[in-house]
């Protein structure tokens, strides 16, 4: 019982906590996605003749950043929807 607070969170505080959680998880997955995409992109641009001829530094950066952005927004969206679903189910149970 020592870890629990007697104060009840307001809806605004719950929303802030949900957004913070979504941002942290999104950033973590964006870093993972960026790393996973960066390695084969950079290696491919050094080894494959087609990629070496057609993908300049800007194209490589766009490929990597697109994966990072997609990872962030997909994860953040799923996290916010999961929290909203839990809040709705919690209110229906009461």
PDB file of N, CA and C in Angstrom:
ATOM      1  N   UNK A   1       0.820  -1.192   0.000  1.00  0.00           N
ATOM      2  CA  UNK A   1       0.000   0.000   0.000  1.00  0.00           C
ATOM      3  C   UNK A   1       0.866   1.259   0.000  1.00  0.00           C
ATOM      4  N   UNK A   2       2.145   1.105   0.357  1.00  0.00           N
ATOM      5  CA  UNK A   2       3.013   2.270   0.440  1.00  0.00           C
ATOM      6  C   UNK A   2       3.240   2.895  -0.929  1.00  0.00           C
ATOM      7  N   UNK A   3       3.233   2.092  -2.004  1.00  0.00           N
ATOM      8  CA  UNK A   3       3.487   2.609  -3.339  1.00  0.00           C
ATOM      9  C   UNK A   3       2.285   3.292  -3.957  1.00  0.00           C
ATOM     10  N   UNK A   4       1.109   3.094  -3.406  1.00  0.00           N
ATOM     11  CA  UNK A   4      -0.095   3.671  -3.984  1.00  0.00           C
ATOM     12  C   UNK A   4      -0.398   5.031  -3.364  1.00  0.00           C
ATOM     13  N   UNK A   5      -0.922   5.902  -4.172  1.00  0.00           N
ATOM     14  CA  UNK A   5      -1.275   7.229  -3.703  1.00  0.00           C
ATOM     15  C   UNK A   5      -2.783   7.294  -3.479  1.00  0.00           C
ATOM     16  N   UNK A   6      -3.183   8.104  -2.514  1.00  0.00           N
ATOM     17  CA  UNK A   6      -4.605   8.278  -2.249  1.00  0.00           C
ATOM     18  C   UNK A   6      -5.223   9.330  -3.164  1.00  0.00           C
ATOM     19  N   UNK A   7      -4.382  10.028  -3.913  1.00  0.00           N
ATOM     20  CA  UNK A   7      -4.878  11.037  -4.832  1.00  0.00           C
ATOM     21  C   UNK A   7      -5.351  10.371  -6.117  1.00  0.00           C
ATOM     22  N   UNK A   8      -6.432  10.850  -6.667  1.00  0.00           N
ATOM     23  CA  UNK A   8      -6.973  10.331  -7.906  1.00  0.00           C
ATOM     24  C   UNK A   8      -6.524  11.257  -9.025  1.00  0.00           C
ATOM     25  N   UNK A   9      -6.018  10.661 -10.085  1.00  0.00           N
ATOM     26  CA  UNK A   9      -5.558  11.465 -11.208  1.00  0.00           C
ATOM     27  C   UNK A   9      -6.736  12.073 -11.953  1.00  0.00           C
ATOM     28  N   UNK A  10      -6.548  13.304 -12.356  1.00  0.00           N
ATOM     29  CA  UNK A  10      -7.570  13.952 -13.179  1.00  0.00           C
ATOM     30  C   UNK A  10      -7.451  13.435 -14.615  1.00  0.00           C
ATOM     31  N   UNK A  11      -8.483  13.623 -15.428  1.00  0.00           N
ATOM     32  CA  UNK A  11      -8.379  13.182 -16.829  1.00  0.00           C
ATOM     33  C   UNK A  11      -7.226  13.842 -17.568  1.00  0.00           C
ATOM     34  N   UNK A  12      -6.919  15.087 -17.222  1.00  0.00           N
ATOM     35  CA  UNK A  12      -5.804  15.784 -17.871  1.00  0.00           C
ATOM     36  C   UNK A  12      -4.483  15.112 -17.528  1.00  0.00           C
ATOM     37  N   UNK A  13      -4.305  14.709 -16.253  1.00  0.00           N
ATOM     38  CA  UNK A  13      -3.074  14.041 -15.854  1.00  0.00           C
ATOM     39  C   UNK A  13      -2.951  12.663 -16.509  1.00  0.00           C
ATOM     40  N   UNK A  14      -4.072  11.952 -16.631  1.00  0.00           N
ATOM     41  CA  UNK A  14      -4.044  10.656 -17.311  1.00  0.00           C
ATOM     42  C   UNK A  14      -3.662  10.841 -18.773  1.00  0.00           C
ATOM     43  N   UNK A  15      -4.181  11.889 -19.383  1.00  0.00           N
ATOM     44  CA  UNK A  15      -3.868  12.160 -20.779  1.00  0.00           C
ATOM     45  C   UNK A  15      -2.386  12.488 -20.943  1.00  0.00           C
ATOM     46  N   UNK A  16      -1.844  13.302 -20.037  1.00  0.00           N
ATOM     47  CA  UNK A  16      -0.429  13.647 -20.107  1.00  0.00           C
ATOM     48  C   UNK A  16       0.446  12.417 -19.935  1.00  0.00           C
ATOM     49  N   UNK A  17       0.074  11.537 -19.021  1.00  0.00           N
ATOM     50  CA  UNK A  17       0.845  10.318 -18.804  1.00  0.00           C
ATOM     51  C   UNK A  17       0.779   9.416 -20.035  1.00  0.00           C
ATOM     52  N   UNK A  18      -0.385   9.336 -20.659  1.00  0.00           N
ATOM     53  CA  UNK A  18      -0.536   8.502 -21.858  1.00  0.00           C
ATOM     54  C   UNK A  18       0.300   9.060 -23.005  1.00  0.00           C
ATOM     55  N   UNK A  19       0.321  10.360 -23.159  1.00  0.00           N
ATOM     56  CA  UNK A  19       1.106  10.976 -24.230  1.00  0.00           C
ATOM     57  C   UNK A  19       2.594  10.777 -23.974  1.00  0.00           C
ATOM     58  N   UNK A  20       3.008  10.934 -22.721  1.00  0.00           N
ATOM     59  CA  UNK A  20       4.423  10.736 -22.387  1.00  0.00           C
ATOM     60  C   UNK A  20       4.842   9.296 -22.668  1.00  0.00           C
ATOM     61  N   UNK A  21       3.996   8.349 -22.292  1.00  0.00           N
ATOM     62  CA  UNK A  21       4.300   6.941 -22.556  1.00  0.00           C
ATOM     63  C   UNK A  21       4.379   6.687 -24.062  1.00  0.00           C
ATOM     64  N   UNK A  22       3.459   7.265 -24.821  1.00  0.00           N
ATOM     65  CA  UNK A  22       3.452   7.079 -26.275  1.00  0.00           C
ATOM     66  C   UNK A  22       4.710   7.658 -26.905  1.00  0.00           C
ATOM     67  N   UNK A  23       5.146   8.817 -26.437  1.00  0.00           N
ATOM     68  CA  UNK A  23       6.346   9.448 -26.993  1.00  0.00           C
ATOM     69  C   UNK A  23       7.579   8.619 -26.678  1.00  0.00           C
ATOM     70  N   UNK A  24       7.682   8.106 -25.455  1.00  0.00           N
ATOM     71  CA  UNK A  24       8.850   7.306 -25.089  1.00  0.00           C
ATOM     72  C   UNK A  24       8.908   6.007 -25.888  1.00  0.00           C
ATOM     73  N   UNK A  25       7.792   5.316 -25.996  1.00  0.00           N
ATOM     74  CA  UNK A  25       7.775   4.076 -26.774  1.00  0.00           C
ATOM     75  C   UNK A  25       8.015   4.350 -28.260  1.00  0.00           C
ATOM     76  N   UNK A  26       7.444   5.453 -28.762  1.00  0.00           N
ATOM     77  CA  UNK A  26       7.661   5.816 -30.162  1.00  0.00           C
ATOM     78  C   UNK A  26       9.114   6.132 -30.457  1.00  0.00           C
ATOM     79  N   UNK A  27       9.756   6.846 -29.561  1.00  0.00           N
ATOM     80  CA  UNK A  27      11.169   7.187 -29.756  1.00  0.00           C
ATOM     81  C   UNK A  27      12.040   5.935 -29.721  1.00  0.00           C
ATOM     82  N   UNK A  28      11.716   5.028 -28.810  1.00  0.00           N
ATOM     83  CA  UNK A  28      12.486   3.788 -28.719  1.00  0.00           C
ATOM     84  C   UNK A  28      12.353   2.973 -30.005  1.00  0.00           C
ATOM     85  N   UNK A  29      11.132   2.836 -30.497  1.00  0.00           N
ATOM     86  CA  UNK A  29      10.940   2.071 -31.725  1.00  0.00           C
ATOM     87  C   UNK A  29      11.485   2.796 -32.954  1.00  0.00           C
ATOM     88  N   UNK A  30      11.492   4.119 -32.939  1.00  0.00           N
ATOM     89  CA  UNK A  30      12.083   4.864 -34.052  1.00  0.00           C
ATOM     90  C   UNK A  30      13.587   4.622 -34.112  1.00  0.00           C
ATOM     91  N   UNK A  31      14.227   4.573 -32.960  1.00  0.00           N
ATOM     92  CA  UNK A  31      15.668   4.299 -32.928  1.00  0.00           C
ATOM     93  C   UNK A  31      15.962   2.888 -33.434  1.00  0.00           C
ATOM     94  N   UNK A  32      15.139   1.942 -33.012  1.00  0.00           N
ATOM     95  CA  UNK A  32      15.336   0.556 -33.458  1.00  0.00           C
ATOM     96  C   UNK A  32      15.107   0.452 -34.969  1.00  0.00           C
ATOM     97  N   UNK A  33      14.028   1.054 -35.450  1.00  0.00           N
ATOM     98  CA  UNK A  33      13.727   0.992 -36.882  1.00  0.00           C
ATOM     99  C   UNK A  33      14.813   1.683 -37.705  1.00  0.00           C
ATOM    100  N   UNK A  34      15.293   2.799 -37.225  1.00  0.00           N
ATOM    101  CA  UNK A  34      16.355   3.507 -37.937  1.00  0.00           C
ATOM    102  C   UNK A  34      17.624   2.685 -38.042  1.00  0.00           C
ATOM    103  N   UNK A  35      17.968   2.003 -36.965  1.00  0.00           N
ATOM    104  CA  UNK A  35      19.165   1.161 -36.974  1.00  0.00           C
ATOM    105  C   UNK A  35      18.989  -0.031 -37.904  1.00  0.00           C
ATOM    106  N   UNK A  36      17.809  -0.647 -37.830  1.00  0.00           N
ATOM    107  CA  UNK A  36      17.549  -1.823 -38.662  1.00  0.00           C
ATOM    108  C   UNK A  36      17.564  -1.469 -40.146  1.00  0.00           C
ATOM    109  N   UNK A  37      17.104  -0.300 -40.493  1.00  0.00           N
ATOM    110  CA  UNK A  37      17.065   0.110 -41.897  1.00  0.00           C
ATOM    111  C   UNK A  37      18.398   0.713 -42.342  1.00  0.00           C
ATOM    112  N   UNK A  38      19.101   1.371 -41.444  1.00  0.00           N
ATOM    113  CA  UNK A  38      20.337   2.058 -41.821  1.00  0.00           C
ATOM    114  C   UNK A  38      21.429   1.090 -42.252  1.00  0.00           C
ATOM    115  N   UNK A  39      21.545  -0.010 -41.533  1.00  0.00           N
ATOM    116  CA  UNK A  39      22.644  -0.931 -41.837  1.00  0.00           C
ATOM    117  C   UNK A  39      22.543  -1.485 -43.258  1.00  0.00           C
ATOM    118  N   UNK A  40      21.411  -2.107 -43.651  1.00  0.00           N
ATOM    119  CA  UNK A  40      21.377  -2.615 -45.032  1.00  0.00           C
ATOM    120  C   UNK A  40      21.389  -1.508 -46.090  1.00  0.00           C
ATOM    121  N   UNK A  41      20.847  -0.344 -45.769  1.00  0.00           N
ATOM    122  CA  UNK A  41      20.859   0.753 -46.743  1.00  0.00           C
ATOM    123  C   UNK A  41      22.291   1.212 -47.006  1.00  0.00           C
ATOM    124  N   UNK A  42      23.036   1.435 -45.951  1.00  0.00           N
ATOM    125  CA  UNK A  42      24.409   1.914 -46.118  1.00  0.00           C
ATOM    126  C   UNK A  42      25.310   0.851 -46.728  1.00  0.00           C
ATOM    127  N   UNK A  43      25.129  -0.400 -46.305  1.00  0.00           N
ATOM    128  CA  UNK A  43      25.932  -1.476 -46.891  1.00  0.00           C
ATOM    129  C   UNK A  43      25.571  -1.652 -48.365  1.00  0.00           C
ATOM    130  N   UNK A  44      24.284  -1.629 -48.669  1.00  0.00           N
ATOM    131  CA  UNK A  44      23.859  -1.785 -50.059  1.00  0.00           C
ATOM    132  C   UNK A  44      24.390  -0.687 -50.959  1.00  0.00           C
ATOM    133  N   UNK A  45      24.460   0.524 -50.438  1.00  0.00           N
ATOM    134  CA  UNK A  45      24.955   1.641 -51.246  1.00  0.00           C
ATOM    135  C   UNK A  45      26.464   1.568 -51.458  1.00  0.00           C
ATOM    136  N   UNK A  46      27.155   0.789 -50.664  1.00  0.00           N
ATOM    137  CA  UNK A  46      28.593   0.630 -50.849  1.00  0.00           C
ATOM    138  C   UNK A  46      28.915  -0.593 -51.709  1.00  0.00           C
ATOM    139  N   UNK A  47      28.020  -1.573 -51.742  1.00  0.00           N
ATOM    140  CA  UNK A  47      28.327  -2.850 -52.384  1.00  0.00           C
ATOM    141  C   UNK A  47      27.607  -3.023 -53.720  1.00  0.00           C
ATOM    142  N   UNK A  48      26.328  -2.733 -53.767  1.00  0.00           N
ATOM    143  CA  UNK A  48      25.538  -2.991 -54.970  1.00  0.00           C
ATOM    144  C   UNK A  48      25.769  -1.897 -56.017  1.00  0.00           C
ATOM    145  N   UNK A  49      26.079  -2.294 -57.233  1.00  0.00           N
ATOM    146  CA  UNK A  49      26.368  -1.285 -58.264  1.00  0.00           C
ATOM    147  C   UNK A  49      25.184  -0.363 -58.559  1.00  0.00           C
ATOM    148  N   UNK A  50      23.958  -0.927 -58.618  1.00  0.00           N
ATOM    149  CA  UNK A  50      22.800  -0.082 -58.899  1.00  0.00           C
ATOM    150  C   UNK A  50      22.603   0.953 -57.803  1.00  0.00           C
ATOM    151  N   UNK A  51      22.661   0.517 -56.551  1.00  0.00           N
ATOM    152  CA  UNK A  51      22.461   1.432 -55.429  1.00  0.00           C
ATOM    153  C   UNK A  51      23.570   2.476 -55.379  1.00  0.00           C
ATOM    154  N   UNK A  52      24.781   2.051 -55.658  1.00  0.00           N
ATOM    155  CA  UNK A  52      25.907   2.986 -55.648  1.00  0.00           C
ATOM    156  C   UNK A  52      25.723   4.078 -56.704  1.00  0.00           C
ATOM    157  N   UNK A  53      25.166   3.704 -57.843  1.00  0.00           N
ATOM    158  CA  UNK A  53      24.993   4.671 -58.933  1.00  0.00           C
ATOM    159  C   UNK A  53      23.767   5.556 -58.738  1.00  0.00           C
ATOM    160  N   UNK A  54      22.728   5.049 -58.089  1.00  0.00           N
ATOM    161  CA  UNK A  54      21.454   5.776 -58.072  1.00  0.00           C
ATOM    162  C   UNK A  54      21.049   6.367 -56.725  1.00  0.00           C
ATOM    163  N   UNK A  55      21.607   5.941 -55.633  1.00  0.00           N
ATOM    164  CA  UNK A  55      21.206   6.452 -54.320  1.00  0.00           C
ATOM    165  C   UNK A  55      22.305   7.352 -53.745  1.00  0.00           C
ATOM    166  N   UNK A  56      22.078   8.652 -53.846  1.00  0.00           N
ATOM    167  CA  UNK A  56      23.048   9.572 -53.259  1.00  0.00           C
ATOM    168  C   UNK A  56      22.785   9.701 -51.753  1.00  0.00           C
ATOM    169  N   UNK A  57      23.511  10.563 -51.081  1.00  0.00           N
ATOM    170  CA  UNK A  57      23.389  10.689 -49.629  1.00  0.00           C
ATOM    171  C   UNK A  57      21.993  11.154 -49.204  1.00  0.00           C
ATOM    172  N   UNK A  58      21.389  12.003 -50.010  1.00  0.00           N
ATOM    173  CA  UNK A  58      20.039  12.471 -49.687  1.00  0.00           C
ATOM    174  C   UNK A  58      19.037  11.334 -49.746  1.00  0.00           C
ATOM    175  N   UNK A  59      19.128  10.495 -50.744  1.00  0.00           N
ATOM    176  CA  UNK A  59      18.221   9.356 -50.865  1.00  0.00           C
ATOM    177  C   UNK A  59      18.409   8.393 -49.701  1.00  0.00           C
ATOM    178  N   UNK A  60      19.639   8.155 -49.313  1.00  0.00           N
ATOM    179  CA  UNK A  60      19.907   7.270 -48.175  1.00  0.00           C
ATOM    180  C   UNK A  60      19.299   7.837 -46.899  1.00  0.00           C
ATOM    181  N   UNK A  61      19.469   9.139 -46.703  1.00  0.00           N
ATOM    182  CA  UNK A  61      18.912   9.778 -45.507  1.00  0.00           C
ATOM    183  C   UNK A  61      17.390   9.722 -45.511  1.00  0.00           C
ATOM    184  N   UNK A  62      16.779   9.897 -46.674  1.00  0.00           N
ATOM    185  CA  UNK A  62      15.320   9.824 -46.761  1.00  0.00           C
ATOM    186  C   UNK A  62      14.803   8.424 -46.463  1.00  0.00           C
ATOM    187  N   UNK A  63      15.490   7.406 -46.932  1.00  0.00           N
ATOM    188  CA  UNK A  63      15.082   6.024 -46.661  1.00  0.00           C
ATOM    189  C   UNK A  63      15.139   5.747 -45.159  1.00  0.00           C
ATOM    190  N   UNK A  64      16.231   6.148 -44.540  1.00  0.00           N
ATOM    191  CA  UNK A  64      16.402   5.892 -43.103  1.00  0.00           C
ATOM    192  C   UNK A  64      15.416   6.716 -42.282  1.00  0.00           C
ATOM    193  N   UNK A  65      15.245   7.983 -42.614  1.00  0.00           N
ATOM    194  CA  UNK A  65      14.340   8.827 -41.833  1.00  0.00           C
ATOM    195  C   UNK A  65      12.881   8.414 -42.019  1.00  0.00           C
ATOM    196  N   UNK A  66      12.520   7.913 -43.186  1.00  0.00           N
ATOM    197  CA  UNK A  66      11.151   7.428 -43.397  1.00  0.00           C
ATOM    198  C   UNK A  66      10.849   6.257 -42.479  1.00  0.00           C
ATOM    199  N   UNK A  67      11.810   5.367 -42.312  1.00  0.00           N
ATOM    200  CA  UNK A  67      11.611   4.234 -41.400  1.00  0.00           C
ATOM    201  C   UNK A  67      11.491   4.712 -39.955  1.00  0.00           C
ATOM    202  N   UNK A  68      12.306   5.679 -39.574  1.00  0.00           N
ATOM    203  CA  UNK A  68      12.238   6.220 -38.211  1.00  0.00           C
ATOM    204  C   UNK A  68      10.886   6.881 -37.949  1.00  0.00           C
ATOM    205  N   UNK A  69      10.449   7.686 -38.871  1.00  0.00           N
ATOM    206  CA  UNK A  69       9.182   8.404 -38.711  1.00  0.00           C
ATOM    207  C   UNK A  69       8.015   7.424 -38.651  1.00  0.00           C
ATOM    208  N   UNK A  70       8.028   6.437 -39.540  1.00  0.00           N
ATOM    209  CA  UNK A  70       6.951   5.440 -39.538  1.00  0.00           C
ATOM    210  C   UNK A  70       6.941   4.665 -38.227  1.00  0.00           C
ATOM    211  N   UNK A  71       8.105   4.260 -37.751  1.00  0.00           N
ATOM    212  CA  UNK A  71       8.175   3.536 -36.474  1.00  0.00           C
ATOM    213  C   UNK A  71       7.649   4.356 -35.316  1.00  0.00           C
ATOM    214  N   UNK A  72       7.995   5.639 -35.300  1.00  0.00           N
ATOM    215  CA  UNK A  72       7.533   6.502 -34.216  1.00  0.00           C
ATOM    216  C   UNK A  72       6.015   6.650 -34.233  1.00  0.00           C
ATOM    217  N   UNK A  73       5.460   7.032 -35.376  1.00  0.00           N
ATOM    218  CA  UNK A  73       4.034   7.330 -35.418  1.00  0.00           C
ATOM    219  C   UNK A  73       3.163   6.089 -35.268  1.00  0.00           C
ATOM    220  N   UNK A  74       3.579   4.982 -35.829  1.00  0.00           N
ATOM    221  CA  UNK A  74       2.790   3.759 -35.675  1.00  0.00           C
ATOM    222  C   UNK A  74       2.763   3.334 -34.214  1.00  0.00           C
ATOM    223  N   UNK A  75       3.916   3.361 -33.562  1.00  0.00           N
ATOM    224  CA  UNK A  75       3.970   2.957 -32.153  1.00  0.00           C
ATOM    225  C   UNK A  75       3.209   3.931 -31.265  1.00  0.00           C
ATOM    226  N   UNK A  76       3.390   5.224 -31.486  1.00  0.00           N
ATOM    227  CA  UNK A  76       2.686   6.210 -30.664  1.00  0.00           C
ATOM    228  C   UNK A  76       1.179   6.087 -30.843  1.00  0.00           C
ATOM    229  N   UNK A  77       0.735   5.890 -32.071  1.00  0.00           N
ATOM    230  CA  UNK A  77      -0.696   5.753 -32.334  1.00  0.00           C
ATOM    231  C   UNK A  77      -1.261   4.509 -31.654  1.00  0.00           C
ATOM    232  N   UNK A  78      -0.565   3.394 -31.763  1.00  0.00           N
ATOM    233  CA  UNK A  78      -1.035   2.165 -31.114  1.00  0.00           C
ATOM    234  C   UNK A  78      -1.081   2.321 -29.599  1.00  0.00           C
ATOM    235  N   UNK A  79      -0.096   3.003 -29.029  1.00  0.00           N
ATOM    236  CA  UNK A  79      -0.060   3.196 -27.574  1.00  0.00           C
ATOM    237  C   UNK A  79      -1.220   4.066 -27.109  1.00  0.00           C
ATOM    238  N   UNK A  80      -1.480   5.155 -27.814  1.00  0.00           N
ATOM    239  CA  UNK A  80      -2.582   6.041 -27.432  1.00  0.00           C
ATOM    240  C   UNK A  80      -3.920   5.326 -27.588  1.00  0.00           C
ATOM    241  N   UNK A  81      -4.086   4.569 -28.662  1.00  0.00           N
ATOM    242  CA  UNK A  81      -5.338   3.821 -28.844  1.00  0.00           C
ATOM    243  C   UNK A  81      -5.511   2.757 -27.768  1.00  0.00           C
ATOM    244  N   UNK A  82      -4.417   2.080 -27.384  1.00  0.00           N
ATOM    245  CA  UNK A  82      -4.494   1.074 -26.319  1.00  0.00           C
ATOM    246  C   UNK A  82      -4.914   1.720 -24.995  1.00  0.00           C
ATOM    247  N   UNK A  83      -4.334   2.868 -24.685  1.00  0.00           N
ATOM    248  CA  UNK A  83      -4.695   3.564 -23.441  1.00  0.00           C
ATOM    249  C   UNK A  83      -6.147   4.039 -23.484  1.00  0.00           C
ATOM    250  N   UNK A  84      -6.588   4.529 -24.622  1.00  0.00           N
ATOM    251  CA  UNK A  84      -7.979   4.975 -24.739  1.00  0.00           C
ATOM    252  C   UNK A  84      -8.930   3.796 -24.584  1.00  0.00           C
ATOM    253  N   UNK A  85      -8.576   2.670 -25.161  1.00  0.00           N
ATOM    254  CA  UNK A  85      -9.415   1.480 -25.044  1.00  0.00           C
ATOM    255  C   UNK A  85      -9.485   1.021 -23.585  1.00  0.00           C
ATOM    256  N   UNK A  86      -8.352   1.047 -22.894  1.00  0.00           N
ATOM    257  CA  UNK A  86      -8.347   0.654 -21.478  1.00  0.00           C
ATOM    258  C   UNK A  86      -9.185   1.603 -20.640  1.00  0.00           C
ATOM    259  N   UNK A  87      -9.116   2.893 -20.939  1.00  0.00           N
ATOM    260  CA  UNK A  87      -9.925   3.860 -20.198  1.00  0.00           C
ATOM    261  C   UNK A  87     -11.405   3.630 -20.442  1.00  0.00           C
ATOM    262  N   UNK A  88     -11.769   3.341 -21.679  1.00  0.00           N
ATOM    263  CA  UNK A  88     -13.173   3.110 -22.008  1.00  0.00           C
ATOM    264  C   UNK A  88     -13.680   1.839 -21.329  1.00  0.00           C
ATOM    265  N   UNK A  89     -12.905   0.779 -21.377  1.00  0.00           N
ATOM    266  CA  UNK A  89     -13.313  -0.470 -20.741  1.00  0.00           C
ATOM    267  C   UNK A  89     -13.403  -0.285 -19.225  1.00  0.00           C
ATOM    268  N   UNK A  90     -12.457   0.473 -18.664  1.00  0.00           N
ATOM    269  CA  UNK A  90     -12.488   0.737 -17.226  1.00  0.00           C
ATOM    270  C   UNK A  90     -13.720   1.515 -16.809  1.00  0.00           C
ATOM    271  N   UNK A  91     -14.158   2.447 -17.630  1.00  0.00           N
ATOM    272  CA  UNK A  91     -15.354   3.233 -17.297  1.00  0.00           C
ATOM    273  C   UNK A  91     -16.618   2.398 -17.446  1.00  0.00           C
ATOM    274  N   UNK A  92     -16.636   1.458 -18.389  1.00  0.00           N
ATOM    275  CA  UNK A  92     -17.803   0.611 -18.574  1.00  0.00           C
ATOM    276  C   UNK A  92     -17.950  -0.410 -17.443  1.00  0.00           C
ATOM    277  N   UNK A  93     -16.819  -0.822 -16.866  1.00  0.00           N
ATOM    278  CA  UNK A  93     -16.865  -1.804 -15.784  1.00  0.00           C
ATOM    279  C   UNK A  93     -17.415  -1.204 -14.493  1.00  0.00           C
ATOM    280  N   UNK A  94     -17.294   0.095 -14.325  1.00  0.00           N
ATOM    281  CA  UNK A  94     -17.728   0.722 -13.064  1.00  0.00           C
ATOM    282  C   UNK A  94     -19.208   0.824 -12.949  1.00  0.00           C
TER     283      UNK A  94
END
